[in-house]
Protein backbone atom coordinates (compact mmCIF):
# COMPACT_ATOMS: atom_id res chain seq x y z
CA UNK A 1 0.15 0.32 -0.07
CA UNK A 2 1.29 3.48 -1.03
CA UNK A 3 0.24 6.81 -1.17
CA UNK A 4 -1.08 9.12 -4.06
CA UNK A 5 2.74 10.48 -4.28
CA UNK A 6 4.47 7.46 -3.77
CA UNK A 7 6.23 8.28 -0.68
CA UNK A 8 6.26 5.97 2.39
CA UNK A 9 6.68 8.25 5.05
CA UNK A 10 5.45 8.28 8.46
CA UNK A 11 6.07 12.34 9.31
CA UNK A 12 2.56 13.08 9.99
CA UNK A 13 1.79 10.32 12.59
CA UNK A 14 2.04 11.46 16.47
CA UNK A 15 5.02 10.14 18.18
CA UNK A 16 4.50 6.85 20.75
CA UNK A 17 6.25 5.58 23.18
CA UNK A 18 6.50 2.07 24.96
CA UNK A 19 6.13 2.05 28.53
CA UNK A 20 7.51 -1.00 30.58
CA UNK A 21 3.87 -3.53 29.50
CA UNK A 22 3.94 -2.89 26.21
CA UNK A 23 1.60 -0.66 26.02
CA UNK A 24 1.45 2.38 23.42
CA UNK A 25 0.78 5.99 25.16
CA UNK A 26 1.08 9.24 22.95
CA UNK A 27 3.48 11.69 23.87
CA UNK A 28 1.99 15.27 24.95
CA UNK A 29 4.04 18.41 25.33
CA UNK A 30 2.15 20.85 27.58
CA UNK A 31 3.60 24.19 27.84
CA UNK A 32 4.18 25.66 31.27
CA UNK A 33 3.80 28.99 32.24
CA UNK A 34 6.66 30.68 33.55
CA UNK A 35 4.76 33.27 35.28
CA UNK A 36 1.86 32.62 37.49
CA UNK A 37 0.58 36.55 37.87
CA UNK A 38 0.68 38.81 34.85
CA UNK A 39 -0.50 42.43 35.81
CA UNK A 40 -1.41 44.55 32.39
CA UNK A 41 -0.15 47.84 32.77
CA UNK A 42 -2.52 50.52 31.78
CA UNK A 43 -2.89 52.74 28.43
CA UNK A 44 -3.18 56.37 29.62
CA UNK A 45 -2.63 59.74 28.15
CA UNK A 46 -2.95 62.99 30.56
CA UNK A 47 -1.92 66.29 29.03
CA UNK A 48 -1.63 69.44 31.56
CA UNK A 49 -0.21 72.63 31.63
CA UNK A 50 3.29 72.28 30.59
CA UNK A 51 3.60 68.52 30.81
CA UNK A 52 2.06 65.34 29.83
CA UNK A 53 1.94 62.13 30.99
CA UNK A 54 1.89 58.92 29.06
CA UNK A 55 1.83 55.08 30.28
CA UNK A 56 1.84 52.42 27.99
CA UNK A 57 2.08 48.78 28.19
CA UNK A 58 5.58 48.34 26.60
CA UNK A 59 8.31 45.55 27.96
CA UNK A 60 11.49 46.66 27.32
CA UNK A 61 14.49 44.71 27.05
CA UNK A 62 18.05 45.98 27.46
CA UNK A 63 19.57 45.78 23.28
CA UNK A 64 23.47 45.74 24.47
CA UNK A 65 22.61 42.26 25.80
CA UNK A 66 20.12 41.12 23.53
CA UNK A 67 21.24 38.05 21.01
CA UNK A 68 18.32 36.90 19.30
CA UNK A 69 17.15 36.58 15.46
CA UNK A 70 16.91 39.85 13.61
CA UNK A 71 13.35 39.58 12.97
CA UNK A 72 12.19 39.00 16.65
CA UNK A 73 14.07 42.28 17.32
CA UNK A 74 12.89 44.16 14.46
CA UNK A 75 8.99 43.14 15.72
CA UNK A 76 9.59 44.58 18.87
CA UNK A 77 11.32 47.62 17.80
CA UNK A 78 8.21 48.33 15.46
CA UNK A 79 5.72 47.73 18.03
CA UNK A 80 7.78 50.34 20.69
CA UNK A 81 7.78 53.05 17.72
CA UNK A 82 3.94 52.44 16.65
CA UNK A 83 2.58 52.37 20.33
CA UNK A 84 4.75 55.31 20.78
CA UNK A 85 3.29 57.21 17.59
CA UNK A 86 -0.30 55.93 18.75
CA UNK A 87 0.00 57.74 22.19
CA UNK A 88 1.83 60.90 21.08
CA UNK A 89 0.70 61.74 17.55
CA UNK A 90 -2.67 63.29 18.74
CA UNK A 91 -1.25 65.76 21.50
CA UNK A 92 2.28 66.79 19.41
CA UNK A 93 0.62 70.10 18.48
CA UNK A 94 0.50 70.96 22.17
CA UNK A 95 4.09 70.04 23.06
CA UNK A 96 6.58 73.14 22.59
CA UNK A 97 10.49 73.01 22.48
CA UNK A 98 12.64 73.18 24.31
CA UNK A 99 11.36 70.42 26.33
CA UNK A 100 12.53 67.51 28.65
CA UNK A 101 11.47 63.82 28.62
CA UNK A 102 11.94 61.58 31.45
CA UNK A 103 11.14 57.97 30.88
CA UNK A 104 10.34 55.14 33.74
CA UNK A 105 10.62 51.67 33.53
CA UNK A 106 8.27 49.78 35.42
CA UNK A 107 9.44 45.83 35.81
CA UNK A 108 9.56 43.37 38.44
CA UNK A 109 13.56 43.09 38.32
CA UNK A 110 15.74 46.27 38.30
CA UNK A 111 18.08 47.03 34.89
CA UNK A 112 21.84 48.56 35.06
CA UNK A 113 21.43 51.85 35.68
CA UNK A 114 24.22 53.43 33.23
CA UNK A 115 24.59 51.14 30.32
CA UNK A 116 21.07 48.91 30.32
CA UNK A 117 18.64 50.94 30.93
CA UNK A 118 19.15 53.59 28.94
CA UNK A 119 19.44 51.10 25.67
CA UNK A 120 16.55 49.48 26.59
CA UNK A 121 14.74 52.97 25.65
CA UNK A 122 16.63 53.15 22.33
CA UNK A 123 13.44 53.06 20.46
CA UNK A 124 11.59 54.73 22.46
CA UNK A 125 13.26 57.59 22.64
CA UNK A 126 13.77 57.43 18.86
CA UNK A 127 9.93 57.53 18.15
CA UNK A 128 9.51 60.49 20.60
CA UNK A 129 11.89 62.94 19.49
CA UNK A 130 11.18 61.86 15.74
CA UNK A 131 7.25 63.03 16.41
CA UNK A 132 8.37 66.34 18.53
CA UNK A 133 10.74 67.66 16.39
CA UNK A 134 9.10 66.41 13.09
CA UNK A 135 12.52 65.33 11.70
CA UNK A 136 12.22 61.71 10.79
CA UNK A 137 15.48 60.73 9.55
CA UNK A 138 16.99 58.18 11.34
CA UNK A 139 19.47 58.95 14.29
CA UNK A 140 18.68 62.64 13.95
CA UNK A 141 15.89 63.63 16.25
CA UNK A 142 17.29 62.42 19.09
CA UNK A 143 20.42 64.38 18.89
CA UNK A 144 18.16 67.59 18.98
CA UNK A 145 20.04 70.17 21.89
CA UNK A 146 16.43 71.24 22.65
CA UNK A 147 15.45 67.77 24.04
CA UNK A 148 16.86 66.69 27.21
CA UNK A 149 16.26 62.95 28.28
CA UNK A 150 16.57 61.12 31.70
CA UNK A 151 15.50 57.82 32.54
CA UNK A 152 14.72 56.04 35.60
CA UNK A 153 13.10 52.80 36.84
CA UNK A 154 10.73 51.53 39.35
CA UNK A 155 10.15 48.12 40.54
CA UNK A 156 6.16 46.73 40.05
CA UNK A 157 4.40 43.48 39.25
CA UNK A 158 3.73 44.49 35.76
CA UNK A 159 5.65 45.69 32.72
CA UNK A 160 5.57 49.32 31.31
CA UNK A 161 7.14 52.67 31.02
CA UNK A 162 6.05 56.13 31.74
CA UNK A 163 6.83 58.76 29.51
CA UNK A 164 6.64 62.50 31.49
CA UNK A 165 7.07 65.36 29.11
CA UNK A 166 7.77 68.84 30.68
CA UNK A 167 7.64 71.75 28.30
């Protein structure tokens, strides 16, 4: 008995393991959750006289120590830029230069403050500065002298960031 395409393959059948009594049992793979509790970080945009506060549910990781496939990192960077643009585009006309941007990372564990924390905000800073200045050329907007940047981190249950802009 052969297949229609003349291949004699058992590749599509499930793997079977024999227990000690000779009875076949199917192996099942169960994906285990590494985190028992996930808390969602709220999405919010608040603007008042001279300041704006934006909270985003973005999980940041250090780009300095990240060794992964380029598609995975590109997908994360695109998601970060689009999320920042979604929150910042409606209020960009109210933000005046010069301004200061403070980025706060919320996560269960701390990063190294001087090397990894600023690198984890790399694409978020690029998106914020490009939208505020209107200069979308890569690597140019965050070099503007009218924008001062700082970053901090707070221990929390869920992952997220907060962008504080004072102008």
